PDB file of N, CA and C in Angstrom:
ATOM      1  N   MET A   1    -146.920  45.367-183.016  1.00  0.00           N
ATOM      2  CA  MET A   1    -148.267  45.654-183.490  1.00  0.00           C
ATOM      3  C   MET A   1    -149.062  46.296-182.347  1.00  0.00           C
ATOM      4  N   ASP A   2    -149.708  47.407-182.630  1.00  0.00           N
ATOM      5  CA  ASP A   2    -150.485  48.114-181.619  1.00  0.00           C
ATOM      6  C   ASP A   2    -151.888  47.544-181.522  1.00  0.00           C
ATOM      7  N   GLU A   3    -152.298  47.269-180.280  1.00  0.00           N
ATOM      8  CA  GLU A   3    -153.671  46.824-180.025  1.00  0.00           C
ATOM      9  C   GLU A   3    -154.578  48.045-180.022  1.00  0.00           C
ATOM     10  N   LYS A   4    -155.765  47.907-180.585  1.00  0.00           N
ATOM     11  CA  LYS A   4    -156.735  48.999-180.544  1.00  0.00           C
ATOM     12  C   LYS A   4    -157.387  49.048-179.170  1.00  0.00           C
ATOM     13  N   THR A   5    -157.731  50.248-178.757  1.00  0.00           N
ATOM     14  CA  THR A   5    -158.424  50.408-177.478  1.00  0.00           C
ATOM     15  C   THR A   5    -159.879  50.002-177.650  1.00  0.00           C
ATOM     16  N   PHE A   6    -160.571  49.857-176.530  1.00  0.00           N
ATOM     17  CA  PHE A   6    -161.999  49.525-176.570  1.00  0.00           C
ATOM     18  C   PHE A   6    -162.762  50.566-177.381  1.00  0.00           C
ATOM     19  N   ASP A   7    -162.477  51.851-177.148  1.00  0.00           N
ATOM     20  CA  ASP A   7    -163.182  52.922-177.866  1.00  0.00           C
ATOM     21  C   ASP A   7    -162.907  52.880-179.367  1.00  0.00           C
ATOM     22  N   GLU A   8    -161.675  52.561-179.753  1.00  0.00           N
ATOM     23  CA  GLU A   8    -161.340  52.452-181.184  1.00  0.00           C
ATOM     24  C   GLU A   8    -162.069  51.277-181.830  1.00  0.00           C
ATOM     25  N   LYS A   9    -162.104  50.144-181.132  1.00  0.00           N
ATOM     26  CA  LYS A   9    -162.816  48.966-181.655  1.00  0.00           C
ATOM     27  C   LYS A   9    -164.305  49.257-181.777  1.00  0.00           C
ATOM     28  N   ARG A  10    -164.868  49.929-180.769  1.00  0.00           N
ATOM     29  CA  ARG A  10    -166.295  50.280-180.775  1.00  0.00           C
ATOM     30  C   ARG A  10    -166.601  51.188-181.952  1.00  0.00           C
ATOM     31  N   HIS A  11    -165.769  52.203-182.160  1.00  0.00           N
ATOM     32  CA  HIS A  11    -165.954  53.139-183.271  1.00  0.00           C
ATOM     33  C   HIS A  11    -165.920  52.398-184.607  1.00  0.00           C
ATOM     34  N   ASP A  12    -164.918  51.546-184.799  1.00  0.00           N
ATOM     35  CA  ASP A  12    -164.795  50.781-186.038  1.00  0.00           C
ATOM     36  C   ASP A  12    -166.018  49.916-186.282  1.00  0.00           C
ATOM     37  N   GLN A  13    -166.483  49.242-185.236  1.00  0.00           N
ATOM     38  CA  GLN A  13    -167.631  48.350-185.377  1.00  0.00           C
ATOM     39  C   GLN A  13    -168.896  49.119-185.739  1.00  0.00           C
ATOM     40  N   LEU A  14    -169.097  50.284-185.127  1.00  0.00           N
ATOM     41  CA  LEU A  14    -170.331  51.040-185.330  1.00  0.00           C
ATOM     42  C   LEU A  14    -170.326  51.893-186.594  1.00  0.00           C
ATOM     43  N   THR A  15    -169.191  52.058-187.232  1.00  0.00           N
ATOM     44  CA  THR A  15    -169.137  52.879-188.448  1.00  0.00           C
ATOM     45  C   THR A  15    -168.786  52.064-189.695  1.00  0.00           C
ATOM     46  N   THR A  16    -168.773  50.750-189.596  1.00  0.00           N
ATOM     47  CA  THR A  16    -168.390  49.898-190.723  1.00  0.00           C
ATOM     48  C   THR A  16    -169.539  49.648-191.698  1.00  0.00           C
ATOM     49  N   ALA A  17    -170.767  49.659-191.235  1.00  0.00           N
ATOM     50  CA  ALA A  17    -171.919  49.377-192.102  1.00  0.00           C
ATOM     51  C   ALA A  17    -171.995  50.401-193.243  1.00  0.00           C
ATOM     52  N   PRO A  18    -172.524  50.002-194.397  1.00  0.00           N
ATOM     53  CA  PRO A  18    -172.553  50.893-195.561  1.00  0.00           C
ATOM     54  C   PRO A  18    -173.222  52.245-195.317  1.00  0.00           C
ATOM     55  N   LYS A  19    -174.281  52.317-194.537  1.00  0.00           N
ATOM     56  CA  LYS A  19    -174.993  53.585-194.324  1.00  0.00           C
ATOM     57  C   LYS A  19    -174.655  54.216-192.974  1.00  0.00           C
ATOM     58  N   ALA A  20    -173.619  53.741-192.321  1.00  0.00           N
ATOM     59  CA  ALA A  20    -173.243  54.254-191.003  1.00  0.00           C
ATOM     60  C   ALA A  20    -172.597  55.632-191.113  1.00  0.00           C
ATOM     61  N   SER A  21    -172.714  56.399-190.035  1.00  0.00           N
ATOM     62  CA  SER A  21    -172.071  57.717-189.979  1.00  0.00           C
ATOM     63  C   SER A  21    -171.341  57.854-188.646  1.00  0.00           C
ATOM     64  N   GLU A  22    -170.597  58.935-188.498  1.00  0.00           N
ATOM     65  CA  GLU A  22    -169.890  59.181-187.242  1.00  0.00           C
ATOM     66  C   GLU A  22    -170.864  59.281-186.070  1.00  0.00           C
ATOM     67  N   ALA A  23    -172.060  59.779-186.317  1.00  0.00           N
ATOM     68  CA  ALA A  23    -173.058  59.917-185.252  1.00  0.00           C
ATOM     69  C   ALA A  23    -173.430  58.563-184.645  1.00  0.00           C
ATOM     70  N   ASP A  24    -173.318  57.499-185.427  1.00  0.00           N
ATOM     71  CA  ASP A  24    -173.639  56.162-184.927  1.00  0.00           C
ATOM     72  C   ASP A  24    -172.690  55.708-183.817  1.00  0.00           C
ATOM     73  N   SER A  25    -171.507  56.281-183.785  1.00  0.00           N
ATOM     74  CA  SER A  25    -170.538  55.858-182.764  1.00  0.00           C
ATOM     75  C   SER A  25    -170.538  56.763-181.532  1.00  0.00           C
ATOM     76  N   ALA A  26    -171.450  57.726-181.499  1.00  0.00           N
ATOM     77  CA  ALA A  26    -171.527  58.633-180.343  1.00  0.00           C
ATOM     78  C   ALA A  26    -171.934  57.862-179.090  1.00  0.00           C
ATOM     79  N   LYS A  27    -171.347  58.227-177.974  1.00  0.00           N
ATOM     80  CA  LYS A  27    -171.703  57.570-176.710  1.00  0.00           C
ATOM     81  C   LYS A  27    -173.130  57.934-176.334  1.00  0.00           C
ATOM     82  N   ARG A  28    -173.885  56.947-175.877  1.00  0.00           N
ATOM     83  CA  ARG A  28    -175.291  57.155-175.548  1.00  0.00           C
ATOM     84  C   ARG A  28    -175.573  57.045-174.052  1.00  0.00           C
ATOM     85  N   VAL A  29    -174.627  56.505-173.307  1.00  0.00           N
ATOM     86  CA  VAL A  29    -174.794  56.373-171.859  1.00  0.00           C
ATOM     87  C   VAL A  29    -173.502  56.749-171.154  1.00  0.00           C
ATOM     88  N   SER A  30    -173.644  57.159-169.903  1.00  0.00           N
ATOM     89  CA  SER A  30    -172.474  57.361-169.057  1.00  0.00           C
ATOM     90  C   SER A  30    -172.717  56.605-167.758  1.00  0.00           C
ATOM     91  N   VAL A  31    -171.671  56.009-167.240  1.00  0.00           N
ATOM     92  CA  VAL A  31    -171.767  55.226-166.005  1.00  0.00           C
ATOM     93  C   VAL A  31    -170.818  55.844-164.990  1.00  0.00           C
ATOM     94  N   ASP A  32    -171.373  56.223-163.853  1.00  0.00           N
ATOM     95  CA  ASP A  32    -170.582  56.797-162.768  1.00  0.00           C
ATOM     96  C   ASP A  32    -170.729  55.909-161.542  1.00  0.00           C
ATOM     97  N   GLU A  33    -169.600  55.545-160.942  1.00  0.00           N
ATOM     98  CA  GLU A  33    -169.646  54.748-159.715  1.00  0.00           C
ATOM     99  C   GLU A  33    -169.307  55.650-158.539  1.00  0.00           C
ATOM    100  N   GLN A  34    -170.205  55.664-157.559  1.00  0.00           N
ATOM    101  CA  GLN A  34    -170.016  56.493-156.383  1.00  0.00           C
ATOM    102  C   GLN A  34    -169.150  55.766-155.369  1.00  0.00           C
ATOM    103  N   SER A  35    -168.684  56.487-154.374  1.00  0.00           N
ATOM    104  CA  SER A  35    -167.772  55.913-153.387  1.00  0.00           C
ATOM    105  C   SER A  35    -168.395  54.764-152.589  1.00  0.00           C
ATOM    106  N   ASP A  36    -169.721  54.743-152.479  1.00  0.00           N
ATOM    107  CA  ASP A  36    -170.376  53.665-151.737  1.00  0.00           C
ATOM    108  C   ASP A  36    -170.681  52.445-152.610  1.00  0.00           C
ATOM    109  N   GLY A  37    -170.187  52.454-153.859  1.00  0.00           N
ATOM    110  CA  GLY A  37    -170.366  51.309-154.749  1.00  0.00           C
ATOM    111  C   GLY A  37    -171.604  51.375-155.623  1.00  0.00           C
ATOM    112  N   VAL A  38    -172.441  52.378-155.435  1.00  0.00           N
ATOM    113  CA  VAL A  38    -173.650  52.529-156.239  1.00  0.00           C
ATOM    114  C   VAL A  38    -173.263  53.054-157.624  1.00  0.00           C
ATOM    115  N   LYS A  39    -173.827  52.450-158.667  1.00  0.00           N
ATOM    116  CA  LYS A  39    -173.556  52.897-160.036  1.00  0.00           C
ATOM    117  C   LYS A  39    -174.758  53.654-160.570  1.00  0.00           C
ATOM    118  N   ARG A  40    -174.491  54.790-161.200  1.00  0.00           N
ATOM    119  CA  ARG A  40    -175.544  55.592-161.817  1.00  0.00           C
ATOM    120  C   ARG A  40    -175.322  55.545-163.314  1.00  0.00           C
ATOM    121  N   ILE A  41    -176.374  55.181-164.048  1.00  0.00           N
ATOM    122  CA  ILE A  41    -176.316  55.100-165.501  1.00  0.00           C
ATOM    123  C   ILE A  41    -177.254  56.153-166.069  1.00  0.00           C
ATOM    124  N   ASP A  42    -176.708  57.068-166.841  1.00  0.00           N
ATOM    125  CA  ASP A  42    -177.497  58.126-167.465  1.00  0.00           C
ATOM    126  C   ASP A  42    -177.495  57.950-168.975  1.00  0.00           C
ATOM    127  N   VAL A  43    -178.682  58.087-169.584  1.00  0.00           N
ATOM    128  CA  VAL A  43    -178.816  58.028-171.034  1.00  0.00           C
ATOM    129  C   VAL A  43    -178.664  59.445-171.563  1.00  0.00           C
ATOM    130  N   ALA A  44    -177.852  59.608-172.600  1.00  0.00           N
ATOM    131  CA  ALA A  44    -177.610  60.930-173.175  1.00  0.00           C
ATOM    132  C   ALA A  44    -178.892  61.517-173.759  1.00  0.00           C
ATOM    133  N   ASP A  45    -179.059  62.826-173.612  1.00  0.00           N
ATOM    134  CA  ASP A  45    -180.222  63.504-174.187  1.00  0.00           C
ATOM    135  C   ASP A  45    -180.248  63.368-175.704  1.00  0.00           C
ATOM    136  N   THR A  46    -179.095  63.156-176.309  1.00  0.00           N
ATOM    137  CA  THR A  46    -178.993  63.058-177.763  1.00  0.00           C
ATOM    138  C   THR A  46    -179.243  61.640-178.299  1.00  0.00           C
ATOM    139  N   ALA A  47    -179.459  60.677-177.408  1.00  0.00           N
ATOM    140  CA  ALA A  47    -179.686  59.284-177.847  1.00  0.00           C
ATOM    141  C   ALA A  47    -181.005  59.198-178.618  1.00  0.00           C
ATOM    142  N   ALA A  48    -180.963  58.560-179.785  1.00  0.00           N
ATOM    143  CA  ALA A  48    -182.147  58.428-180.627  1.00  0.00           C
ATOM    144  C   ALA A  48    -183.206  57.537-179.978  1.00  0.00           C
ATOM    145  N   VAL A  49    -182.765  56.557-179.229  1.00  0.00           N
ATOM    146  CA  VAL A  49    -183.672  55.629-178.574  1.00  0.00           C
ATOM    147  C   VAL A  49    -183.423  55.724-177.075  1.00  0.00           C
ATOM    148  N   ARG A  50    -184.495  55.933-176.321  1.00  0.00           N
ATOM    149  CA  ARG A  50    -184.394  56.082-174.863  1.00  0.00           C
ATOM    150  C   ARG A  50    -185.311  55.076-174.192  1.00  0.00           C
ATOM    151  N   PRO A  51    -184.963  54.641-172.989  1.00  0.00           N
ATOM    152  CA  PRO A  51    -185.837  53.713-172.273  1.00  0.00           C
ATOM    153  C   PRO A  51    -187.116  54.403-171.815  1.00  0.00           C
ATOM    154  N   GLY A  52    -188.144  53.617-171.610  1.00  0.00           N
ATOM    155  CA  GLY A  52    -189.411  54.167-171.125  1.00  0.00           C
ATOM    156  C   GLY A  52    -190.432  54.254-172.232  1.00  0.00           C
ATOM    157  N   LYS A  53    -191.598  54.773-171.870  1.00  0.00           N
ATOM    158  CA  LYS A  53    -192.697  54.905-172.826  1.00  0.00           C
ATOM    159  C   LYS A  53    -192.559  56.223-173.591  1.00  0.00           C
ATOM    160  N   PRO A  54    -192.745  56.193-174.896  1.00  0.00           N
ATOM    161  CA  PRO A  54    -192.637  57.426-175.678  1.00  0.00           C
ATOM    162  C   PRO A  54    -193.682  58.459-175.225  1.00  0.00           C
ATOM    163  N   GLY A  55    -193.281  59.710-175.195  1.00  0.00           N
ATOM    164  CA  GLY A  55    -194.208  60.772-174.848  1.00  0.00           C
ATOM    165  C   GLY A  55    -194.368  61.027-173.366  1.00  0.00           C
ATOM    166  N   GLU A  56    -193.703  60.287-172.530  1.00  0.00           N
ATOM    167  CA  GLU A  56    -193.816  60.501-171.078  1.00  0.00           C
ATOM    168  C   GLU A  56    -192.597  61.180-170.545  1.00  0.00           C
TER     169      GLU A  56
END
């Protein structure tokens, strides 16, 4: 029996709801770890909900 990958499980979970679409499973953040151990988290420009105050 094949185990599903994290991305496959995430996709299944986010597209199972009755009104869900493929867009619901789109990645909204990217995490990059630099050589000095610092992690940078970027929110995708296409994310429907973004951190911060609206309009700023």
